[in-house]
Amino acid sequence: MLTCDTYRLPTSLKEALALWAGAPEGSRLVAGATDILPWAREGRAGDVHLPEMIDVSRVAELCGYEIADGRVRLGANVAYQQFLTDPVLRSHLPCMPYCAVWFADDQIREQATLAGNIVNASPAADGVPPVIAMNGDIEMARLEGGEVVTRAMPVAEFIMGPGRTKLAGNEIVTAVTLDSMQGYGGSFQKVGQRRSLVISAVCCAALVKTDASGEVFEDVRLALGGVGPVPMRLTDIEDMLRGKRIDRKLIAEASVGPADRVASRSRVAYRKAVVSGFVEAAIEDALVELGAPEPTPEQREAAHV
């Protein structure tokens, strides 16, 4: 059970930052609260009592999104369900609908935020590999002299390890900014230990753009999660494919190397076996999104001969 002495519900960023800066030690900041509620129950943290809980879900500056100069700025309160239902976000972030549909269930998707998923810094976080593949930056705010001051950094640098980030104690995450991937095909592969509400053992995000003929890789973005302490971008595999003529044997060859990146301390052999297949499937699915025919089992097998 989760209880608190004081529950705060600020409506502006300045108010939220002032409350957070003055909150007693041990207080928690929440938005969707989909991480803290499962944590604060028997079997994990047990009963949890907080001196203060500050809910930023109604802070106006953290809501909505903007698109400008080839970038999509998502307010920190943007929830996973919006990647499924908002046609603009589906167009500009084409791998996120596939990530979102795998993310928990309908009720949790309505509450869980991408920013919260990043701040939680779980090695199994579904949203982080797509964000890294889209050159994601995270924006943070704090109060200095009564004024709001912001800073930003790449998400790949922000996450330091399991549960560890570069977010300072007096800061609140305000936004996540990503490359617009309009015109790309996107996909997301994921596997876990159960059939529903899956926590990733391995996940892979892919974004692919072809030239006008549809026969050459113009750009490729790939990232893995669940295989080590932090998600990783597969830049060498991207470079191997970029500018090359699309060929199933080339895709199969490019998918072999990432298995060596597995650095998890458990189920290593399983993860290595999954990774190569996921990278290959993610690239192929992204191409299918762009109108390429789905490969037959025979074509897939022939690519590995």
C-alpha atoms as a PDB file:
ATOM      1  CA  MET A   1       0.000   0.000   0.000  1.00  0.00           C
ATOM      2  CA  LEU A   2       1.171   3.530  -0.834  1.00  0.00           C
ATOM      3  CA  THR A   3       0.291   6.367   1.554  1.00  0.00           C
ATOM      4  CA  CYS A   4       1.537   9.915   2.084  1.00  0.00           C
ATOM      5  CA  ASP A   5       1.179  12.740   4.596  1.00  0.00           C
ATOM      6  CA  THR A   6       0.638  15.384   1.922  1.00  0.00           C
ATOM      7  CA  TYR A   7      -0.502  15.091  -1.687  1.00  0.00           C
ATOM      8  CA  ARG A   8       0.264  18.056  -3.957  1.00  0.00           C
ATOM      9  CA  LEU A   9      -1.293  18.739  -7.362  1.00  0.00           C
ATOM     10  CA  PRO A  10       0.405  21.798  -8.918  1.00  0.00           C
ATOM     11  CA  THR A  11      -0.895  23.281 -12.178  1.00  0.00           C
ATOM     12  CA  SER A  12       2.180  25.241 -13.323  1.00  0.00           C
ATOM     13  CA  LEU A  13       5.826  24.303 -13.764  1.00  0.00           C
ATOM     14  CA  LYS A  14       7.034  27.065 -11.465  1.00  0.00           C
ATOM     15  CA  GLU A  15       4.688  25.882  -8.706  1.00  0.00           C
ATOM     16  CA  ALA A  16       5.768  22.261  -9.192  1.00  0.00           C
ATOM     17  CA  LEU A  17       9.455  23.170  -9.023  1.00  0.00           C
ATOM     18  CA  ALA A  18       8.954  25.235  -5.875  1.00  0.00           C
ATOM     19  CA  LEU A  19       7.071  22.379  -4.190  1.00  0.00           C
ATOM     20  CA  TRP A  20       9.716  19.873  -5.273  1.00  0.00           C
ATOM     21  CA  ALA A  21      12.587  22.038  -4.044  1.00  0.00           C
ATOM     22  CA  GLY A  22      10.914  22.365  -0.633  1.00  0.00           C
ATOM     23  CA  ALA A  23       9.664  18.800  -0.282  1.00  0.00           C
ATOM     24  CA  PRO A  24      10.861  16.794   2.739  1.00  0.00           C
ATOM     25  CA  GLU A  25      13.478  14.094   2.196  1.00  0.00           C
ATOM     26  CA  GLY A  26      11.916  10.880   0.944  1.00  0.00           C
ATOM     27  CA  SER A  27       9.157  12.622  -1.029  1.00  0.00           C
ATOM     28  CA  ARG A  28       8.339  11.414  -4.532  1.00  0.00           C
ATOM     29  CA  LEU A  29       7.415  13.091  -7.803  1.00  0.00           C
ATOM     30  CA  VAL A  30       4.844  11.289  -9.972  1.00  0.00           C
ATOM     31  CA  ALA A  31       2.993  11.785 -13.249  1.00  0.00           C
ATOM     32  CA  GLY A  32       1.342   8.536 -14.370  1.00  0.00           C
ATOM     33  CA  ALA A  33       2.468   6.767 -11.157  1.00  0.00           C
ATOM     34  CA  THR A  34       2.542   3.443 -13.020  1.00  0.00           C
ATOM     35  CA  ASP A  35       6.003   2.597 -11.635  1.00  0.00           C
ATOM     36  CA  ILE A  36       5.597   3.675  -8.036  1.00  0.00           C
ATOM     37  CA  LEU A  37       2.289   1.904  -7.402  1.00  0.00           C
ATOM     38  CA  PRO A  38       3.512  -1.613  -8.296  1.00  0.00           C
ATOM     39  CA  TRP A  39       6.727  -0.911  -6.369  1.00  0.00           C
ATOM     40  CA  ALA A  40       4.828   0.103  -3.239  1.00  0.00           C
ATOM     41  CA  ARG A  41       3.055  -3.158  -2.570  1.00  0.00           C
ATOM     42  CA  GLU A  42       3.730  -6.426  -0.832  1.00  0.00           C
ATOM     43  CA  GLY A  43       6.394  -8.476  -2.592  1.00  0.00           C
ATOM     44  CA  ARG A  44       8.455  -5.500  -3.731  1.00  0.00           C
ATOM     45  CA  ALA A  45       8.822  -2.518  -1.413  1.00  0.00           C
ATOM     46  CA  GLY A  46       6.016  -3.583   0.897  1.00  0.00           C
ATOM     47  CA  ASP A  47       3.929  -0.822   2.455  1.00  0.00           C
ATOM     48  CA  VAL A  48       5.401   2.584   1.581  1.00  0.00           C
ATOM     49  CA  HIS A  49       4.644   5.826   3.373  1.00  0.00           C
ATOM     50  CA  LEU A  50       5.896   9.098   1.889  1.00  0.00           C
ATOM     51  CA  PRO A  51       6.087  12.483   3.604  1.00  0.00           C
ATOM     52  CA  GLU A  52       4.916  14.178   0.415  1.00  0.00           C
ATOM     53  CA  MET A  53       3.855  13.147  -3.086  1.00  0.00           C
ATOM     54  CA  ILE A  54       3.844  15.756  -5.852  1.00  0.00           C
ATOM     55  CA  ASP A  55       1.685  14.867  -8.857  1.00  0.00           C
ATOM     56  CA  VAL A  56       2.682  16.845 -11.980  1.00  0.00           C
ATOM     57  CA  SER A  57       0.034  15.348 -14.275  1.00  0.00           C
ATOM     58  CA  ARG A  58      -1.887  18.656 -14.389  1.00  0.00           C
ATOM     59  CA  VAL A  59       1.097  20.934 -15.034  1.00  0.00           C
ATOM     60  CA  ALA A  60       0.121  22.726 -18.235  1.00  0.00           C
ATOM     61  CA  GLU A  61       3.694  23.215 -19.507  1.00  0.00           C
ATOM     62  CA  LEU A  62       4.286  19.448 -19.450  1.00  0.00           C
ATOM     63  CA  CYS A  63       1.329  18.564 -21.681  1.00  0.00           C
ATOM     64  CA  GLY A  64       1.026  18.325 -25.462  1.00  0.00           C
ATOM     65  CA  TYR A  65       3.652  18.324 -28.198  1.00  0.00           C
ATOM     66  CA  GLU A  66       5.201  20.592 -30.831  1.00  0.00           C
ATOM     67  CA  ILE A  67       6.829  19.861 -34.200  1.00  0.00           C
ATOM     68  CA  ALA A  68       9.391  22.287 -35.631  1.00  0.00           C
ATOM     69  CA  ASP A  69      12.666  22.193 -37.562  1.00  0.00           C
ATOM     70  CA  GLY A  70      12.557  18.432 -38.057  1.00  0.00           C
ATOM     71  CA  ARG A  71      12.143  17.695 -34.333  1.00  0.00           C
ATOM     72  CA  VAL A  72       9.187  16.551 -32.225  1.00  0.00           C
ATOM     73  CA  ARG A  73       9.065  17.972 -28.689  1.00  0.00           C
ATOM     74  CA  LEU A  74       6.926  15.803 -26.429  1.00  0.00           C
ATOM     75  CA  GLY A  75       5.820  17.299 -23.119  1.00  0.00           C
ATOM     76  CA  ALA A  76       6.769  15.105 -20.170  1.00  0.00           C
ATOM     77  CA  ASN A  77       3.102  14.214 -19.594  1.00  0.00           C
ATOM     78  CA  VAL A  78       2.583  12.668 -23.049  1.00  0.00           C
ATOM     79  CA  ALA A  79       1.324   9.134 -22.372  1.00  0.00           C
ATOM     80  CA  TYR A  80       1.953   5.981 -24.392  1.00  0.00           C
ATOM     81  CA  GLN A  81      -1.651   5.748 -25.610  1.00  0.00           C
ATOM     82  CA  GLN A  82      -1.158   8.921 -27.660  1.00  0.00           C
ATOM     83  CA  PHE A  83       1.361   7.113 -29.885  1.00  0.00           C
ATOM     84  CA  LEU A  84      -1.447   4.741 -30.852  1.00  0.00           C
ATOM     85  CA  THR A  85      -4.294   7.220 -31.278  1.00  0.00           C
ATOM     86  CA  ASP A  86      -2.743  10.495 -32.463  1.00  0.00           C
ATOM     87  CA  PRO A  87      -2.279  10.397 -36.272  1.00  0.00           C
ATOM     88  CA  VAL A  88       0.351  13.158 -36.220  1.00  0.00           C
ATOM     89  CA  LEU A  89       2.543  11.328 -33.711  1.00  0.00           C
ATOM     90  CA  ARG A  90       2.033   8.063 -35.610  1.00  0.00           C
ATOM     91  CA  SER A  91       3.311   9.756 -38.774  1.00  0.00           C
ATOM     92  CA  HIS A  92       6.326  11.501 -37.232  1.00  0.00           C
ATOM     93  CA  LEU A  93       7.359   8.700 -34.820  1.00  0.00           C
ATOM     94  CA  PRO A  94       6.524   5.550 -36.814  1.00  0.00           C
ATOM     95  CA  CYS A  95       8.133   3.013 -34.464  1.00  0.00           C
ATOM     96  CA  MET A  96       6.303   4.317 -31.382  1.00  0.00           C
ATOM     97  CA  PRO A  97       2.867   2.797 -32.145  1.00  0.00           C
ATOM     98  CA  TYR A  98       4.509  -0.651 -32.246  1.00  0.00           C
ATOM     99  CA  CYS A  99       6.354   0.082 -29.019  1.00  0.00           C
ATOM    100  CA  ALA A 100       3.178   1.393 -27.365  1.00  0.00           C
ATOM    101  CA  VAL A 101       1.008  -1.585 -28.293  1.00  0.00           C
ATOM    102  CA  TRP A 102       3.496  -3.834 -26.463  1.00  0.00           C
ATOM    103  CA  PHE A 103       3.579  -1.527 -23.472  1.00  0.00           C
ATOM    104  CA  ALA A 104       1.591  -3.013 -20.550  1.00  0.00           C
ATOM    105  CA  ASP A 105      -2.179  -2.799 -21.136  1.00  0.00           C
ATOM    106  CA  ASP A 106      -4.841  -0.281 -22.172  1.00  0.00           C
ATOM    107  CA  GLN A 107      -5.329   1.215 -18.707  1.00  0.00           C
ATOM    108  CA  ILE A 108      -1.626   1.653 -17.988  1.00  0.00           C
ATOM    109  CA  ARG A 109      -0.951   3.140 -21.435  1.00  0.00           C
ATOM    110  CA  GLU A 110      -3.461   5.903 -20.679  1.00  0.00           C
ATOM    111  CA  GLN A 111      -1.373   6.937 -17.651  1.00  0.00           C
ATOM    112  CA  ALA A 112       2.244   5.891 -18.270  1.00  0.00           C
ATOM    113  CA  THR A 113       4.471   8.586 -19.749  1.00  0.00           C
ATOM    114  CA  LEU A 114       7.478   8.192 -22.019  1.00  0.00           C
ATOM    115  CA  ALA A 115       9.413  10.651 -19.847  1.00  0.00           C
ATOM    116  CA  GLY A 116       8.680   8.596 -16.735  1.00  0.00           C
ATOM    117  CA  ASN A 117       9.821   5.444 -18.499  1.00  0.00           C
ATOM    118  CA  ILE A 118      13.134   7.148 -19.290  1.00  0.00           C
ATOM    119  CA  VAL A 119      13.639   8.544 -15.768  1.00  0.00           C
ATOM    120  CA  ASN A 120      12.938   5.121 -14.258  1.00  0.00           C
ATOM    121  CA  ALA A 121      16.072   3.942 -16.143  1.00  0.00           C
ATOM    122  CA  SER A 122      15.183   0.263 -16.219  1.00  0.00           C
ATOM    123  CA  PRO A 123      17.392  -1.803 -18.558  1.00  0.00           C
ATOM    124  CA  ALA A 124      14.111  -3.305 -19.807  1.00  0.00           C
ATOM    125  CA  ALA A 125      12.400   0.049 -20.509  1.00  0.00           C
ATOM    126  CA  ASP A 126      10.544  -0.305 -23.812  1.00  0.00           C
ATOM    127  CA  GLY A 127      10.556   3.384 -24.704  1.00  0.00           C
ATOM    128  CA  VAL A 128      14.275   4.056 -24.444  1.00  0.00           C
ATOM    129  CA  PRO A 129      15.627   2.165 -27.516  1.00  0.00           C
ATOM    130  CA  PRO A 130      13.206   3.990 -29.874  1.00  0.00           C
ATOM    131  CA  VAL A 131      14.129   7.315 -28.243  1.00  0.00           C
ATOM    132  CA  ILE A 132      17.853   6.640 -28.676  1.00  0.00           C
ATOM    133  CA  ALA A 133      17.299   5.582 -32.302  1.00  0.00           C
ATOM    134  CA  MET A 134      15.566   8.928 -32.907  1.00  0.00           C
ATOM    135  CA  ASN A 135      18.430  10.948 -31.368  1.00  0.00           C
ATOM    136  CA  GLY A 136      16.324  11.776 -28.335  1.00  0.00           C
ATOM    137  CA  ASP A 137      17.214  14.596 -25.948  1.00  0.00           C
ATOM    138  CA  ILE A 138      15.743  15.013 -22.478  1.00  0.00           C
ATOM    139  CA  GLU A 139      14.976  18.464 -21.082  1.00  0.00           C
ATOM    140  CA  MET A 140      15.104  19.239 -17.349  1.00  0.00           C
ATOM    141  CA  ALA A 141      14.088  22.323 -15.375  1.00  0.00           C
ATOM    142  CA  ARG A 142      14.997  23.766 -11.967  1.00  0.00           C
ATOM    143  CA  LEU A 143      14.486  27.010 -10.084  1.00  0.00           C
ATOM    144  CA  GLU A 144      17.353  29.495  -9.781  1.00  0.00           C
ATOM    145  CA  GLY A 145      16.655  32.804  -8.057  1.00  0.00           C
ATOM    146  CA  GLY A 146      12.948  32.199  -8.428  1.00  0.00           C
ATOM    147  CA  GLU A 147      13.197  31.703 -12.206  1.00  0.00           C
ATOM    148  CA  VAL A 148      12.842  28.519 -14.246  1.00  0.00           C
ATOM    149  CA  VAL A 149      16.142  27.394 -15.796  1.00  0.00           C
ATOM    150  CA  THR A 150      16.351  24.487 -18.239  1.00  0.00           C
ATOM    151  CA  ARG A 151      19.062  22.237 -19.609  1.00  0.00           C
ATOM    152  CA  ALA A 152      19.053  19.331 -22.047  1.00  0.00           C
ATOM    153  CA  MET A 153      21.224  16.372 -22.959  1.00  0.00           C
ATOM    154  CA  PRO A 154      21.008  13.218 -25.123  1.00  0.00           C
ATOM    155  CA  VAL A 155      19.004  10.440 -23.494  1.00  0.00           C
ATOM    156  CA  ALA A 156      21.905   8.090 -24.279  1.00  0.00           C
ATOM    157  CA  GLU A 157      24.057  10.169 -21.884  1.00  0.00           C
ATOM    158  CA  PHE A 158      21.296  10.827 -19.340  1.00  0.00           C
ATOM    159  CA  ILE A 159      20.872   7.149 -18.389  1.00  0.00           C
ATOM    160  CA  MET A 160      23.911   5.995 -16.417  1.00  0.00           C
ATOM    161  CA  GLY A 161      22.813   2.484 -15.451  1.00  0.00           C
ATOM    162  CA  PRO A 162      19.894   0.608 -13.863  1.00  0.00           C
ATOM    163  CA  GLY A 163      17.872   3.174 -11.907  1.00  0.00           C
ATOM    164  CA  ARG A 164      20.616   5.814 -12.328  1.00  0.00           C
ATOM    165  CA  THR A 165      20.333   9.052 -14.323  1.00  0.00           C
ATOM    166  CA  LYS A 166      21.869  12.517 -14.453  1.00  0.00           C
ATOM    167  CA  LEU A 167      18.687  14.161 -13.165  1.00  0.00           C
ATOM    168  CA  ALA A 168      19.601  16.435 -10.245  1.00  0.00           C
ATOM    169  CA  GLY A 169      17.630  16.277  -7.012  1.00  0.00           C
ATOM    170  CA  ASN A 170      15.996  19.667  -7.567  1.00  0.00           C
ATOM    171  CA  GLU A 171      15.062  19.073 -11.233  1.00  0.00           C
ATOM    172  CA  ILE A 172      11.921  17.949 -13.025  1.00  0.00           C
ATOM    173  CA  VAL A 173      11.932  16.485 -16.550  1.00  0.00           C
ATOM    174  CA  THR A 174       9.890  18.749 -18.804  1.00  0.00           C
ATOM    175  CA  ALA A 175      10.169  17.248 -22.299  1.00  0.00           C
ATOM    176  CA  VAL A 176      11.669  14.654 -24.613  1.00  0.00           C
ATOM    177  CA  THR A 177      12.681  15.856 -28.088  1.00  0.00           C
ATOM    178  CA  LEU A 178      13.130  13.460 -31.014  1.00  0.00           C
ATOM    179  CA  ASP A 179      13.965  13.552 -34.702  1.00  0.00           C
ATOM    180  CA  SER A 180      10.866  13.585 -36.869  1.00  0.00           C
ATOM    181  CA  MET A 181      10.974  10.296 -38.765  1.00  0.00           C
ATOM    182  CA  GLN A 182       8.166  11.101 -41.191  1.00  0.00           C
ATOM    183  CA  GLY A 183       8.642   9.037 -44.344  1.00  0.00           C
ATOM    184  CA  TYR A 184      10.414   6.210 -42.495  1.00  0.00           C
ATOM    185  CA  GLY A 185       9.121   2.725 -41.841  1.00  0.00           C
ATOM    186  CA  GLY A 186       9.208   1.777 -38.189  1.00  0.00           C
ATOM    187  CA  SER A 187       9.052  -1.407 -36.117  1.00  0.00           C
ATOM    188  CA  PHE A 188       9.590  -2.701 -32.593  1.00  0.00           C
ATOM    189  CA  GLN A 189      10.354  -6.257 -31.516  1.00  0.00           C
ATOM    190  CA  LYS A 190      10.004  -7.500 -27.949  1.00  0.00           C
ATOM    191  CA  VAL A 191      10.073 -10.760 -25.997  1.00  0.00           C
ATOM    192  CA  GLY A 192       9.708 -11.546 -22.290  1.00  0.00           C
ATOM    193  CA  GLN A 193       8.880 -14.368 -19.915  1.00  0.00           C
ATOM    194  CA  ARG A 194       5.114 -14.266 -20.224  1.00  0.00           C
ATOM    195  CA  ARG A 195       2.402 -13.643 -22.782  1.00  0.00           C
ATOM    196  CA  SER A 196       0.857 -10.451 -21.355  1.00  0.00           C
ATOM    197  CA  LEU A 197       2.175  -7.363 -19.519  1.00  0.00           C
ATOM    198  CA  VAL A 198       5.593  -8.421 -20.763  1.00  0.00           C
ATOM    199  CA  ILE A 199       8.780  -7.034 -19.230  1.00  0.00           C
ATOM    200  CA  SER A 200      11.416  -7.065 -21.956  1.00  0.00           C
ATOM    201  CA  ALA A 201      14.150  -9.668 -21.946  1.00  0.00           C
ATOM    202  CA  VAL A 202      15.168  -8.213 -25.313  1.00  0.00           C
ATOM    203  CA  CYS A 203      13.663  -5.434 -27.411  1.00  0.00           C
ATOM    204  CA  CYS A 204      14.742  -3.834 -30.675  1.00  0.00           C
ATOM    205  CA  ALA A 205      13.623  -0.634 -32.405  1.00  0.00           C
ATOM    206  CA  ALA A 206      14.192  -0.026 -36.118  1.00  0.00           C
ATOM    207  CA  LEU A 207      13.556   2.888 -38.452  1.00  0.00           C
ATOM    208  CA  VAL A 208      14.300   2.624 -42.163  1.00  0.00           C
ATOM    209  CA  LYS A 209      14.121   5.075 -45.053  1.00  0.00           C
ATOM    210  CA  THR A 210      14.688   4.055 -48.664  1.00  0.00           C
ATOM    211  CA  ASP A 211      15.575   6.082 -51.746  1.00  0.00           C
ATOM    212  CA  ALA A 212      12.926   7.041 -54.305  1.00  0.00           C
ATOM    213  CA  SER A 213      13.294   3.687 -56.078  1.00  0.00           C
ATOM    214  CA  GLY A 214      12.681   1.774 -52.845  1.00  0.00           C
ATOM    215  CA  GLU A 215      15.756  -0.334 -53.597  1.00  0.00           C
ATOM    216  CA  VAL A 216      18.483   1.367 -51.513  1.00  0.00           C
ATOM    217  CA  PHE A 217      18.797   2.021 -47.777  1.00  0.00           C
ATOM    218  CA  GLU A 218      18.888   5.809 -47.525  1.00  0.00           C
ATOM    219  CA  ASP A 219      18.942   5.740 -43.720  1.00  0.00           C
ATOM    220  CA  VAL A 220      18.730   3.099 -40.981  1.00  0.00           C
ATOM    221  CA  ARG A 221      18.316   3.565 -37.221  1.00  0.00           C
ATOM    222  CA  LEU A 222      18.637   0.612 -34.812  1.00  0.00           C
ATOM    223  CA  ALA A 223      18.715   0.307 -31.018  1.00  0.00           C
ATOM    224  CA  LEU A 224      18.557  -2.562 -28.513  1.00  0.00           C
ATOM    225  CA  GLY A 225      17.249  -2.780 -24.962  1.00  0.00           C
ATOM    226  CA  GLY A 226      17.243  -5.457 -22.276  1.00  0.00           C
ATOM    227  CA  VAL A 227      20.677  -6.811 -23.203  1.00  0.00           C
ATOM    228  CA  GLY A 228      22.843  -4.811 -20.811  1.00  0.00           C
ATOM    229  CA  PRO A 229      22.776  -2.145 -18.103  1.00  0.00           C
ATOM    230  CA  VAL A 230      21.853   0.584 -20.603  1.00  0.00           C
ATOM    231  CA  PRO A 231      20.189   0.502 -24.048  1.00  0.00           C
ATOM    232  CA  MET A 232      22.504   0.732 -27.037  1.00  0.00           C
ATOM    233  CA  ARG A 233      22.470   2.222 -30.518  1.00  0.00           C
ATOM    234  CA  LEU A 234      23.809  -0.055 -33.278  1.00  0.00           C
ATOM    235  CA  THR A 235      25.623   2.640 -35.237  1.00  0.00           C
ATOM    236  CA  ASP A 236      28.064   0.254 -36.906  1.00  0.00           C
ATOM    237  CA  ILE A 237      25.197  -1.848 -38.277  1.00  0.00           C
ATOM    238  CA  GLU A 238      23.450   1.316 -39.449  1.00  0.00           C
ATOM    239  CA  ASP A 239      26.630   2.345 -41.297  1.00  0.00           C
ATOM    240  CA  MET A 240      26.942  -1.124 -42.808  1.00  0.00           C
ATOM    241  CA  LEU A 241      23.481  -0.822 -44.394  1.00  0.00           C
ATOM    242  CA  ARG A 242      23.214   2.881 -45.213  1.00  0.00           C
ATOM    243  CA  GLY A 243      23.621   3.542 -48.944  1.00  0.00           C
ATOM    244  CA  LYS A 244      23.574  -0.171 -49.814  1.00  0.00           C
ATOM    245  CA  ARG A 245      21.153  -1.901 -52.141  1.00  0.00           C
ATOM    246  CA  ILE A 246      18.452  -3.691 -50.155  1.00  0.00           C
ATOM    247  CA  ASP A 247      19.206  -7.393 -50.098  1.00  0.00           C
ATOM    248  CA  ARG A 248      17.950 -10.046 -47.687  1.00  0.00           C
ATOM    249  CA  LYS A 249      21.363 -11.682 -47.435  1.00  0.00           C
ATOM    250  CA  LEU A 250      22.903  -8.326 -46.480  1.00  0.00           C
ATOM    251  CA  ILE A 251      20.224  -7.856 -43.791  1.00  0.00           C
ATOM    252  CA  ALA A 252      20.901 -11.347 -42.451  1.00  0.00           C
ATOM    253  CA  GLU A 253      24.664 -10.691 -42.343  1.00  0.00           C
ATOM    254  CA  ALA A 254      24.156  -7.355 -40.578  1.00  0.00           C
ATOM    255  CA  SER A 255      21.976  -9.020 -37.943  1.00  0.00           C
ATOM    256  CA  VAL A 256      24.644 -11.484 -36.760  1.00  0.00           C
ATOM    257  CA  GLY A 257      27.041  -9.052 -35.057  1.00  0.00           C
ATOM    258  CA  PRO A 258      24.683  -7.479 -32.478  1.00  0.00           C
ATOM    259  CA  ALA A 259      24.460 -10.765 -30.537  1.00  0.00           C
ATOM    260  CA  ASP A 260      27.993 -10.075 -29.274  1.00  0.00           C
ATOM    261  CA  ARG A 261      26.740  -6.911 -27.510  1.00  0.00           C
ATOM    262  CA  VAL A 262      24.735  -8.879 -24.938  1.00  0.00           C
ATOM    263  CA  ALA A 263      26.139  -7.881 -21.546  1.00  0.00           C
ATOM    264  CA  SER A 264      23.358  -9.038 -19.227  1.00  0.00           C
ATOM    265  CA  ARG A 265      24.285 -11.214 -16.277  1.00  0.00           C
ATOM    266  CA  SER A 266      21.365 -13.603 -16.749  1.00  0.00           C
ATOM    267  CA  ARG A 267      19.928 -15.662 -19.635  1.00  0.00           C
ATOM    268  CA  VAL A 268      22.882 -14.640 -21.798  1.00  0.00           C
ATOM    269  CA  ALA A 269      22.646 -17.512 -24.299  1.00  0.00           C
ATOM    270  CA  TYR A 270      18.911 -16.917 -24.732  1.00  0.00           C
ATOM    271  CA  ARG A 271      19.376 -13.194 -25.287  1.00  0.00           C
ATOM    272  CA  LYS A 272      22.130 -13.787 -27.848  1.00  0.00           C
ATOM    273  CA  ALA A 273      19.904 -16.192 -29.745  1.00  0.00           C
ATOM    274  CA  VAL A 274      17.055 -13.680 -29.776  1.00  0.00           C
ATOM    275  CA  VAL A 275      19.010 -10.546 -30.681  1.00  0.00           C
ATOM    276  CA  SER A 276      20.083 -11.523 -34.204  1.00  0.00           C
ATOM    277  CA  GLY A 277      16.594 -12.641 -35.143  1.00  0.00           C
ATOM    278  CA  PHE A 278      15.085  -9.462 -33.728  1.00  0.00           C
ATOM    279  CA  VAL A 279      17.426  -7.129 -35.597  1.00  0.00           C
ATOM    280  CA  GLU A 280      16.673  -8.930 -38.845  1.00  0.00           C
ATOM    281  CA  ALA A 281      12.917  -8.975 -38.212  1.00  0.00           C
ATOM    282  CA  ALA A 282      12.881  -5.314 -37.150  1.00  0.00           C
ATOM    283  CA  ILE A 283      14.583  -4.186 -40.375  1.00  0.00           C
ATOM    284  CA  GLU A 284      12.307  -6.359 -42.505  1.00  0.00           C
ATOM    285  CA  ASP A 285       9.156  -5.161 -40.743  1.00  0.00           C
ATOM    286  CA  ALA A 286      10.211  -1.521 -41.191  1.00  0.00           C
ATOM    287  CA  LEU A 287      10.653  -2.189 -44.922  1.00  0.00           C
ATOM    288  CA  VAL A 288       7.200  -3.813 -45.074  1.00  0.00           C
ATOM    289  CA  GLU A 289       5.837  -0.604 -43.487  1.00  0.00           C
ATOM    290  CA  LEU A 290       7.210   1.222 -46.538  1.00  0.00           C
ATOM    291  CA  GLY A 291       5.429  -1.147 -48.919  1.00  0.00           C
ATOM    292  CA  ALA A 292       8.010  -3.895 -49.467  1.00  0.00           C
ATOM    293  CA  PRO A 293       6.602  -7.427 -49.714  1.00  0.00           C
ATOM    294  CA  GLU A 294       6.849  -9.481 -46.554  1.00  0.00           C
ATOM    295  CA  PRO A 295       9.538 -12.157 -47.006  1.00  0.00           C
ATOM    296  CA  THR A 296       8.414 -15.758 -47.103  1.00  0.00           C
ATOM    297  CA  PRO A 297       9.908 -18.360 -44.737  1.00  0.00           C
ATOM    298  CA  GLU A 298      11.788 -19.780 -47.720  1.00  0.00           C
ATOM    299  CA  GLN A 299      13.298 -16.371 -48.546  1.00  0.00           C
ATOM    300  CA  ARG A 300      14.370 -15.907 -44.940  1.00  0.00           C
ATOM    301  CA  GLU A 301      15.991 -19.328 -44.866  1.00  0.00           C
ATOM    302  CA  ALA A 302      17.766 -18.737 -48.191  1.00  0.00           C
ATOM    303  CA  ALA A 303      19.269 -15.489 -46.832  1.00  0.00           C
ATOM    304  CA  HIS A 304      21.126 -17.478 -44.167  1.00  0.00           C
ATOM    305  CA  VAL A 305      22.612 -20.081 -46.503  1.00  0.00           C
END
